């Protein structure tokens, strides 16, 4: 096995001399290390960053809300994978719990794509880790107190400079996060299926809702839903008094 490269040195915008390094670092981190053709560059956002009318943080937001990012990671990936990559791209770490993943999937469905992206960039965690002018970077082995579990999960998501995030469409951590367990470091297994592959995934949605019978008991219902039907199912649940407790990918 080759060397493990999880994090890079932080890149900060301090002067105009840093602009091109910052742009390259944002493209690499936030877009998942893709090859970007000249025609695909975000010319308007780059110009705003260059004249300092926006901060690095707002440049990251513009990239996250772009059609480029949406097409690669929202449209083409399984929902679990989309959330995993959002954590890695915007916060520089893997998701820590099932509750975190469920919260973000539900937000994306109920509040929309832009709200999901904003939730990372507007978080206290983002502000503390990166502030306004540091490019997000992978933090899993740079901060005191990080566990081996966190490192292993980050390695499952990020195999170093040669990996392209969009090459893997399915979740890499669904079992480990759901069971709060560690994953072994092993060679990557890439599922190269497109959106059709993502839509074949099954998800279990657990819902609590009130039954207005004589005992007024709270019932729990479980739905098994295909990936391409999940949005519609969650919308139906939201039109009732049901509360979504968790969403887990079935493996």
C-alpha atoms as a PDB file:
ATOM      1  CA  UNK A   1       0.000   0.000   0.000  1.00  0.00           C
ATOM      2  CA  UNK A   2       1.280   3.469  -0.804  1.00  0.00           C
ATOM      3  CA  UNK A   3       1.593   6.316   1.612  1.00  0.00           C
ATOM      4  CA  UNK A   4      -1.582   7.617   3.211  1.00  0.00           C
ATOM      5  CA  UNK A   5      -2.223  11.285   2.551  1.00  0.00           C
ATOM      6  CA  UNK A   6      -5.241  12.566   4.427  1.00  0.00           C
ATOM      7  CA  UNK A   7      -4.621  16.251   4.932  1.00  0.00           C
ATOM      8  CA  UNK A   8      -2.831  19.070   3.189  1.00  0.00           C
ATOM      9  CA  UNK A   9      -1.394  22.216   4.706  1.00  0.00           C
ATOM     10  CA  UNK A  10      -4.034  24.913   5.189  1.00  0.00           C
ATOM     11  CA  UNK A  11      -4.216  27.483   2.396  1.00  0.00           C
ATOM     12  CA  UNK A  12      -5.189  30.993   3.462  1.00  0.00           C
ATOM     13  CA  UNK A  13      -5.950  34.109   1.456  1.00  0.00           C
ATOM     14  CA  UNK A  14      -3.774  36.853   2.913  1.00  0.00           C
ATOM     15  CA  UNK A  15      -2.849  38.875  -0.182  1.00  0.00           C
ATOM     16  CA  UNK A  16      -3.463  39.005  -3.925  1.00  0.00           C
ATOM     17  CA  UNK A  17      -0.417  36.793  -4.367  1.00  0.00           C
ATOM     18  CA  UNK A  18      -2.393  33.939  -2.796  1.00  0.00           C
ATOM     19  CA  UNK A  19      -5.396  34.090  -5.139  1.00  0.00           C
ATOM     20  CA  UNK A  20      -4.456  31.366  -7.614  1.00  0.00           C
ATOM     21  CA  UNK A  21      -3.293  28.990  -4.882  1.00  0.00           C
ATOM     22  CA  UNK A  22      -6.573  29.521  -3.054  1.00  0.00           C
ATOM     23  CA  UNK A  23      -8.655  28.912  -6.188  1.00  0.00           C
ATOM     24  CA  UNK A  24      -6.777  25.698  -6.954  1.00  0.00           C
ATOM     25  CA  UNK A  25      -7.106  24.529  -3.344  1.00  0.00           C
ATOM     26  CA  UNK A  26     -10.876  25.176  -3.286  1.00  0.00           C
ATOM     27  CA  UNK A  27     -11.380  23.334  -6.561  1.00  0.00           C
ATOM     28  CA  UNK A  28      -9.346  20.395  -5.273  1.00  0.00           C
ATOM     29  CA  UNK A  29     -11.028  20.188  -1.851  1.00  0.00           C
ATOM     30  CA  UNK A  30     -14.618  21.221  -2.516  1.00  0.00           C
ATOM     31  CA  UNK A  31     -15.030  19.693  -5.961  1.00  0.00           C
ATOM     32  CA  UNK A  32     -13.301  16.460  -4.966  1.00  0.00           C
ATOM     33  CA  UNK A  33     -10.106  16.723  -7.012  1.00  0.00           C
ATOM     34  CA  UNK A  34     -11.633  16.640 -10.515  1.00  0.00           C
ATOM     35  CA  UNK A  35     -10.063  17.707 -13.779  1.00  0.00           C
ATOM     36  CA  UNK A  36     -11.616  21.077 -14.591  1.00  0.00           C
ATOM     37  CA  UNK A  37     -11.537  22.350 -18.152  1.00  0.00           C
ATOM     38  CA  UNK A  38     -11.054  26.043 -18.769  1.00  0.00           C
ATOM     39  CA  UNK A  39     -14.668  26.347 -19.891  1.00  0.00           C
ATOM     40  CA  UNK A  40     -15.852  24.874 -16.562  1.00  0.00           C
ATOM     41  CA  UNK A  41     -14.089  27.370 -14.309  1.00  0.00           C
ATOM     42  CA  UNK A  42     -16.230  29.628 -12.146  1.00  0.00           C
ATOM     43  CA  UNK A  43     -15.147  32.857 -13.780  1.00  0.00           C
ATOM     44  CA  UNK A  44     -17.564  35.214 -11.998  1.00  0.00           C
ATOM     45  CA  UNK A  45     -16.817  33.811  -8.538  1.00  0.00           C
ATOM     46  CA  UNK A  46     -13.063  33.817  -9.253  1.00  0.00           C
ATOM     47  CA  UNK A  47     -13.275  37.465 -10.284  1.00  0.00           C
ATOM     48  CA  UNK A  48     -15.185  38.376  -7.120  1.00  0.00           C
ATOM     49  CA  UNK A  49     -12.597  36.595  -5.002  1.00  0.00           C
ATOM     50  CA  UNK A  50      -9.763  38.313  -6.862  1.00  0.00           C
ATOM     51  CA  UNK A  51     -11.151  41.795  -6.217  1.00  0.00           C
ATOM     52  CA  UNK A  52     -11.959  40.735  -2.629  1.00  0.00           C
ATOM     53  CA  UNK A  53     -15.686  41.436  -2.962  1.00  0.00           C
ATOM     54  CA  UNK A  54     -16.255  37.946  -1.540  1.00  0.00           C
ATOM     55  CA  UNK A  55     -14.314  35.922   1.015  1.00  0.00           C
ATOM     56  CA  UNK A  56     -12.958  32.421   0.584  1.00  0.00           C
ATOM     57  CA  UNK A  57     -15.944  31.212   2.576  1.00  0.00           C
ATOM     58  CA  UNK A  58     -18.363  32.743   0.056  1.00  0.00           C
ATOM     59  CA  UNK A  59     -16.285  31.386  -2.814  1.00  0.00           C
ATOM     60  CA  UNK A  60     -16.669  27.918  -1.278  1.00  0.00           C
ATOM     61  CA  UNK A  61     -20.419  28.510  -1.018  1.00  0.00           C
ATOM     62  CA  UNK A  62     -20.638  29.494  -4.680  1.00  0.00           C
ATOM     63  CA  UNK A  63     -18.820  26.320  -5.723  1.00  0.00           C
ATOM     64  CA  UNK A  64     -20.995  24.156  -3.487  1.00  0.00           C
ATOM     65  CA  UNK A  65     -24.191  25.598  -4.946  1.00  0.00           C
ATOM     66  CA  UNK A  66     -22.987  25.315  -8.539  1.00  0.00           C
ATOM     67  CA  UNK A  67     -24.506  23.016 -11.141  1.00  0.00           C
ATOM     68  CA  UNK A  68     -21.075  21.373 -11.422  1.00  0.00           C
ATOM     69  CA  UNK A  69     -21.186  20.239  -7.789  1.00  0.00           C
ATOM     70  CA  UNK A  70     -24.889  19.433  -7.864  1.00  0.00           C
ATOM     71  CA  UNK A  71     -24.605  17.261 -10.987  1.00  0.00           C
ATOM     72  CA  UNK A  72     -21.616  15.301  -9.675  1.00  0.00           C
ATOM     73  CA  UNK A  73     -22.655  14.703  -6.094  1.00  0.00           C
ATOM     74  CA  UNK A  74     -26.379  15.295  -5.638  1.00  0.00           C
ATOM     75  CA  UNK A  75     -27.859  14.073  -8.894  1.00  0.00           C
ATOM     76  CA  UNK A  76     -25.474  11.201  -9.549  1.00  0.00           C
ATOM     77  CA  UNK A  77     -24.772   9.790  -6.084  1.00  0.00           C
ATOM     78  CA  UNK A  78     -26.789   7.908  -3.491  1.00  0.00           C
ATOM     79  CA  UNK A  79     -28.127  10.282  -0.778  1.00  0.00           C
ATOM     80  CA  UNK A  80     -25.831   8.798   1.874  1.00  0.00           C
ATOM     81  CA  UNK A  81     -22.824   9.329  -0.376  1.00  0.00           C
ATOM     82  CA  UNK A  82     -23.870  12.928  -1.060  1.00  0.00           C
ATOM     83  CA  UNK A  83     -23.930  13.694   2.664  1.00  0.00           C
ATOM     84  CA  UNK A  84     -20.648  11.852   3.321  1.00  0.00           C
ATOM     85  CA  UNK A  85     -18.942  13.944   0.671  1.00  0.00           C
ATOM     86  CA  UNK A  86     -20.470  17.187   1.917  1.00  0.00           C
ATOM     87  CA  UNK A  87     -18.912  16.546   5.322  1.00  0.00           C
ATOM     88  CA  UNK A  88     -15.551  15.804   3.734  1.00  0.00           C
ATOM     89  CA  UNK A  89     -15.601  18.638   1.193  1.00  0.00           C
ATOM     90  CA  UNK A  90     -16.940  21.430   3.441  1.00  0.00           C
ATOM     91  CA  UNK A  91     -15.950  20.449   7.000  1.00  0.00           C
ATOM     92  CA  UNK A  92     -12.896  18.316   6.296  1.00  0.00           C
ATOM     93  CA  UNK A  93     -14.081  15.341   8.321  1.00  0.00           C
ATOM     94  CA  UNK A  94     -16.334  12.272   8.040  1.00  0.00           C
ATOM     95  CA  UNK A  95     -19.819  12.182   9.588  1.00  0.00           C
ATOM     96  CA  UNK A  96     -19.685  11.130  13.234  1.00  0.00           C
ATOM     97  CA  UNK A  97     -23.113   9.617  13.804  1.00  0.00           C
ATOM     98  CA  UNK A  98     -26.282   8.317  12.233  1.00  0.00           C
ATOM     99  CA  UNK A  99     -28.103  11.344  13.636  1.00  0.00           C
ATOM    100  CA  UNK A 100     -25.837  13.697  11.677  1.00  0.00           C
ATOM    101  CA  UNK A 101     -26.473  11.888   8.411  1.00  0.00           C
ATOM    102  CA  UNK A 102     -30.244  11.649   8.952  1.00  0.00           C
ATOM    103  CA  UNK A 103     -30.417  15.336   9.855  1.00  0.00           C
ATOM    104  CA  UNK A 104     -28.747  16.365   6.602  1.00  0.00           C
ATOM    105  CA  UNK A 105     -30.737  14.023   4.363  1.00  0.00           C
ATOM    106  CA  UNK A 106     -33.978  15.283   5.897  1.00  0.00           C
ATOM    107  CA  UNK A 107     -32.881  18.920   5.555  1.00  0.00           C
ATOM    108  CA  UNK A 108     -32.016  18.431   1.894  1.00  0.00           C
ATOM    109  CA  UNK A 109     -35.424  16.923   1.162  1.00  0.00           C
ATOM    110  CA  UNK A 110     -37.533  19.290   3.262  1.00  0.00           C
ATOM    111  CA  UNK A 111     -35.641  22.588   2.902  1.00  0.00           C
ATOM    112  CA  UNK A 112     -33.870  22.117  -0.413  1.00  0.00           C
ATOM    113  CA  UNK A 113     -30.419  21.697  -1.881  1.00  0.00           C
ATOM    114  CA  UNK A 114     -29.180  25.219  -1.102  1.00  0.00           C
ATOM    115  CA  UNK A 115     -30.179  24.906   2.565  1.00  0.00           C
ATOM    116  CA  UNK A 116     -28.188  21.669   2.820  1.00  0.00           C
ATOM    117  CA  UNK A 117     -25.044  23.338   1.449  1.00  0.00           C
ATOM    118  CA  UNK A 118     -25.533  26.415   3.648  1.00  0.00           C
ATOM    119  CA  UNK A 119     -25.872  24.268   6.772  1.00  0.00           C
ATOM    120  CA  UNK A 120     -22.193  23.286   6.578  1.00  0.00           C
ATOM    121  CA  UNK A 121     -20.775  26.646   5.556  1.00  0.00           C
ATOM    122  CA  UNK A 122     -22.852  28.639   8.074  1.00  0.00           C
ATOM    123  CA  UNK A 123     -22.085  26.266  10.941  1.00  0.00           C
ATOM    124  CA  UNK A 124     -20.091  27.242  14.020  1.00  0.00           C
ATOM    125  CA  UNK A 125     -17.785  24.327  13.214  1.00  0.00           C
ATOM    126  CA  UNK A 126     -16.882  25.791   9.816  1.00  0.00           C
ATOM    127  CA  UNK A 127     -16.286  29.227  11.331  1.00  0.00           C
ATOM    128  CA  UNK A 128     -14.062  27.821  14.077  1.00  0.00           C
ATOM    129  CA  UNK A 129     -12.054  25.572  11.758  1.00  0.00           C
ATOM    130  CA  UNK A 130     -11.636  27.817   8.718  1.00  0.00           C
ATOM    131  CA  UNK A 131     -13.057  31.285   9.345  1.00  0.00           C
ATOM    132  CA  UNK A 132     -13.538  33.567   6.375  1.00  0.00           C
ATOM    133  CA  UNK A 133     -10.334  33.067   4.427  1.00  0.00           C
ATOM    134  CA  UNK A 134      -8.925  29.577   5.004  1.00  0.00           C
ATOM    135  CA  UNK A 135      -9.743  26.919   2.401  1.00  0.00           C
ATOM    136  CA  UNK A 136     -11.401  23.855   3.975  1.00  0.00           C
ATOM    137  CA  UNK A 137      -8.932  21.009   4.415  1.00  0.00           C
ATOM    138  CA  UNK A 138      -9.047  17.484   5.753  1.00  0.00           C
ATOM    139  CA  UNK A 139      -8.719  17.788   9.531  1.00  0.00           C
ATOM    140  CA  UNK A 140      -8.893  14.190  10.717  1.00  0.00           C
ATOM    141  CA  UNK A 141      -5.265  13.866  11.742  1.00  0.00           C
ATOM    142  CA  UNK A 142      -4.442  17.507  12.428  1.00  0.00           C
ATOM    143  CA  UNK A 143      -6.517  18.160  15.553  1.00  0.00           C
ATOM    144  CA  UNK A 144      -5.841  16.995  19.084  1.00  0.00           C
ATOM    145  CA  UNK A 145      -8.117  14.271  20.378  1.00  0.00           C
ATOM    146  CA  UNK A 146      -9.076  12.779  17.023  1.00  0.00           C
ATOM    147  CA  UNK A 147      -9.790   9.072  17.388  1.00  0.00           C
ATOM    148  CA  UNK A 148      -8.576   6.189  15.244  1.00  0.00           C
ATOM    149  CA  UNK A 149     -12.210   5.664  14.238  1.00  0.00           C
ATOM    150  CA  UNK A 150     -12.336   9.167  12.759  1.00  0.00           C
ATOM    151  CA  UNK A 151      -9.040   8.666  10.943  1.00  0.00           C
ATOM    152  CA  UNK A 152     -10.172   5.340   9.469  1.00  0.00           C
ATOM    153  CA  UNK A 153     -13.465   6.829   8.317  1.00  0.00           C
ATOM    154  CA  UNK A 154     -11.682   9.748   6.706  1.00  0.00           C
ATOM    155  CA  UNK A 155      -9.363   7.377   4.908  1.00  0.00           C
ATOM    156  CA  UNK A 156     -12.378   5.458   3.590  1.00  0.00           C
ATOM    157  CA  UNK A 157     -13.624   8.714   2.051  1.00  0.00           C
ATOM    158  CA  UNK A 158     -10.327  10.209   0.954  1.00  0.00           C
ATOM    159  CA  UNK A 159      -7.500   8.025  -0.407  1.00  0.00           C
ATOM    160  CA  UNK A 160      -5.168  10.896  -1.176  1.00  0.00           C
ATOM    161  CA  UNK A 161      -4.239  13.153  -4.066  1.00  0.00           C
ATOM    162  CA  UNK A 162      -5.037  10.637  -6.798  1.00  0.00           C
ATOM    163  CA  UNK A 163      -8.651  10.033  -5.733  1.00  0.00           C
ATOM    164  CA  UNK A 164     -11.553  11.773  -7.452  1.00  0.00           C
ATOM    165  CA  UNK A 165     -14.632  11.906  -5.228  1.00  0.00           C
ATOM    166  CA  UNK A 166     -17.109  11.486  -8.080  1.00  0.00           C
ATOM    167  CA  UNK A 167     -15.599   8.108  -9.052  1.00  0.00           C
ATOM    168  CA  UNK A 168     -17.451   6.452  -6.152  1.00  0.00           C
ATOM    169  CA  UNK A 169     -21.245   6.762  -6.184  1.00  0.00           C
ATOM    170  CA  UNK A 170     -22.268   4.635  -3.201  1.00  0.00           C
ATOM    171  CA  UNK A 171     -21.828   5.138   0.538  1.00  0.00           C
ATOM    172  CA  UNK A 172     -18.493   4.116   2.051  1.00  0.00           C
ATOM    173  CA  UNK A 173     -19.510   4.452   5.710  1.00  0.00           C
ATOM    174  CA  UNK A 174     -23.163   3.430   5.975  1.00  0.00           C
ATOM    175  CA  UNK A 175     -22.577   0.346   8.144  1.00  0.00           C
ATOM    176  CA  UNK A 176     -19.865   1.883  10.340  1.00  0.00           C
ATOM    177  CA  UNK A 177     -21.849   5.037  11.081  1.00  0.00           C
ATOM    178  CA  UNK A 178     -25.127   3.185  11.652  1.00  0.00           C
ATOM    179  CA  UNK A 179     -23.472   0.792  14.101  1.00  0.00           C
ATOM    180  CA  UNK A 180     -21.053   3.366  15.579  1.00  0.00           C
ATOM    181  CA  UNK A 181     -18.127   1.127  14.712  1.00  0.00           C
ATOM    182  CA  UNK A 182     -14.746   1.513  13.048  1.00  0.00           C
ATOM    183  CA  UNK A 183     -13.918   0.390   9.540  1.00  0.00           C
ATOM    184  CA  UNK A 184     -10.751  -1.399   8.556  1.00  0.00           C
ATOM    185  CA  UNK A 185      -8.260   0.355   6.310  1.00  0.00           C
ATOM    186  CA  UNK A 186      -8.312  -1.680   3.122  1.00  0.00           C
ATOM    187  CA  UNK A 187      -7.926  -1.108  -0.618  1.00  0.00           C
ATOM    188  CA  UNK A 188     -10.688   1.052  -2.045  1.00  0.00           C
ATOM    189  CA  UNK A 189     -13.566  -0.584  -3.857  1.00  0.00           C
ATOM    190  CA  UNK A 190     -15.099   1.800  -6.350  1.00  0.00           C
ATOM    191  CA  UNK A 191     -18.669   1.452  -7.487  1.00  0.00           C
ATOM    192  CA  UNK A 192     -18.689   3.341 -10.745  1.00  0.00           C
ATOM    193  CA  UNK A 193     -22.419   3.192 -11.315  1.00  0.00           C
ATOM    194  CA  UNK A 194     -24.186   6.398 -12.230  1.00  0.00           C
ATOM    195  CA  UNK A 195     -27.473   7.808 -11.025  1.00  0.00           C
ATOM    196  CA  UNK A 196     -29.259   4.639 -12.048  1.00  0.00           C
ATOM    197  CA  UNK A 197     -27.074   2.693  -9.628  1.00  0.00           C
ATOM    198  CA  UNK A 198     -27.797   5.182  -6.858  1.00  0.00           C
ATOM    199  CA  UNK A 199     -31.522   4.868  -7.460  1.00  0.00           C
ATOM    200  CA  UNK A 200     -31.361   1.100  -6.938  1.00  0.00           C
ATOM    201  CA  UNK A 201     -30.362   1.653  -3.321  1.00  0.00           C
ATOM    202  CA  UNK A 202     -32.915   0.926  -0.608  1.00  0.00           C
ATOM    203  CA  UNK A 203     -33.419   3.102   2.456  1.00  0.00           C
ATOM    204  CA  UNK A 204     -35.201   2.420   5.734  1.00  0.00           C
ATOM    205  CA  UNK A 205     -37.120   5.388   7.118  1.00  0.00           C
ATOM    206  CA  UNK A 206     -38.281   5.142  10.728  1.00  0.00           C
ATOM    207  CA  UNK A 207     -41.168   7.455  11.611  1.00  0.00           C
ATOM    208  CA  UNK A 208     -42.912   8.236  14.888  1.00  0.00           C
ATOM    209  CA  UNK A 209     -46.420   9.656  14.827  1.00  0.00           C
ATOM    210  CA  UNK A 210     -49.436  10.028  17.092  1.00  0.00           C
ATOM    211  CA  UNK A 211     -52.366   7.649  16.865  1.00  0.00           C
ATOM    212  CA  UNK A 212     -55.429   9.369  18.192  1.00  0.00           C
ATOM    213  CA  UNK A 213     -57.052   6.326  19.660  1.00  0.00           C
ATOM    214  CA  UNK A 214     -58.381   5.957  23.184  1.00  0.00           C
ATOM    215  CA  UNK A 215     -54.877   5.423  24.605  1.00  0.00           C
ATOM    216  CA  UNK A 216     -53.239   8.079  22.451  1.00  0.00           C
ATOM    217  CA  UNK A 217     -50.247   5.828  21.945  1.00  0.00           C
ATOM    218  CA  UNK A 218     -47.260   6.912  19.893  1.00  0.00           C
ATOM    219  CA  UNK A 219     -46.686   4.479  17.059  1.00  0.00           C
ATOM    220  CA  UNK A 220     -43.530   3.767  15.136  1.00  0.00           C
ATOM    221  CA  UNK A 221     -43.676   2.971  11.434  1.00  0.00           C
ATOM    222  CA  UNK A 222     -40.909   1.758   9.140  1.00  0.00           C
ATOM    223  CA  UNK A 223     -40.798   2.349   5.392  1.00  0.00           C
ATOM    224  CA  UNK A 224     -38.487   0.606   2.927  1.00  0.00           C
ATOM    225  CA  UNK A 225     -38.019   3.001   0.024  1.00  0.00           C
ATOM    226  CA  UNK A 226     -36.021   2.947  -3.217  1.00  0.00           C
ATOM    227  CA  UNK A 227     -33.563   5.794  -3.699  1.00  0.00           C
ATOM    228  CA  UNK A 228     -35.527   7.388  -6.514  1.00  0.00           C
ATOM    229  CA  UNK A 229     -38.720   7.377  -4.409  1.00  0.00           C
ATOM    230  CA  UNK A 230     -37.244   8.745  -1.179  1.00  0.00           C
ATOM    231  CA  UNK A 231     -38.018  12.405  -1.790  1.00  0.00           C
ATOM    232  CA  UNK A 232     -41.671  11.697  -2.533  1.00  0.00           C
ATOM    233  CA  UNK A 233     -41.979   9.400   0.505  1.00  0.00           C
ATOM    234  CA  UNK A 234     -40.491  11.965   2.883  1.00  0.00           C
ATOM    235  CA  UNK A 235     -42.788  14.629   1.493  1.00  0.00           C
ATOM    236  CA  UNK A 236     -45.770  12.359   2.180  1.00  0.00           C
ATOM    237  CA  UNK A 237     -44.566  11.799   5.736  1.00  0.00           C
ATOM    238  CA  UNK A 238     -44.150  15.541   6.275  1.00  0.00           C
ATOM    239  CA  UNK A 239     -47.754  16.123   5.235  1.00  0.00           C
ATOM    240  CA  UNK A 240     -48.838  13.987   8.184  1.00  0.00           C
ATOM    241  CA  UNK A 241     -48.051  14.359  11.868  1.00  0.00           C
ATOM    242  CA  UNK A 242     -45.191  11.881  11.565  1.00  0.00           C
ATOM    243  CA  UNK A 243     -41.683  12.715  12.716  1.00  0.00           C
ATOM    244  CA  UNK A 244     -38.736  11.114  10.915  1.00  0.00           C
ATOM    245  CA  UNK A 245     -36.457   9.487  13.483  1.00  0.00           C
ATOM    246  CA  UNK A 246     -33.799   8.059  11.173  1.00  0.00           C
ATOM    247  CA  UNK A 247     -32.934   7.261   7.588  1.00  0.00           C
ATOM    248  CA  UNK A 248     -30.522   4.399   6.951  1.00  0.00           C
ATOM    249  CA  UNK A 249     -29.255   2.845   3.762  1.00  0.00           C
ATOM    250  CA  UNK A 250     -29.993  -0.872   3.540  1.00  0.00           C
ATOM    251  CA  UNK A 251     -26.919  -2.942   2.719  1.00  0.00           C
END
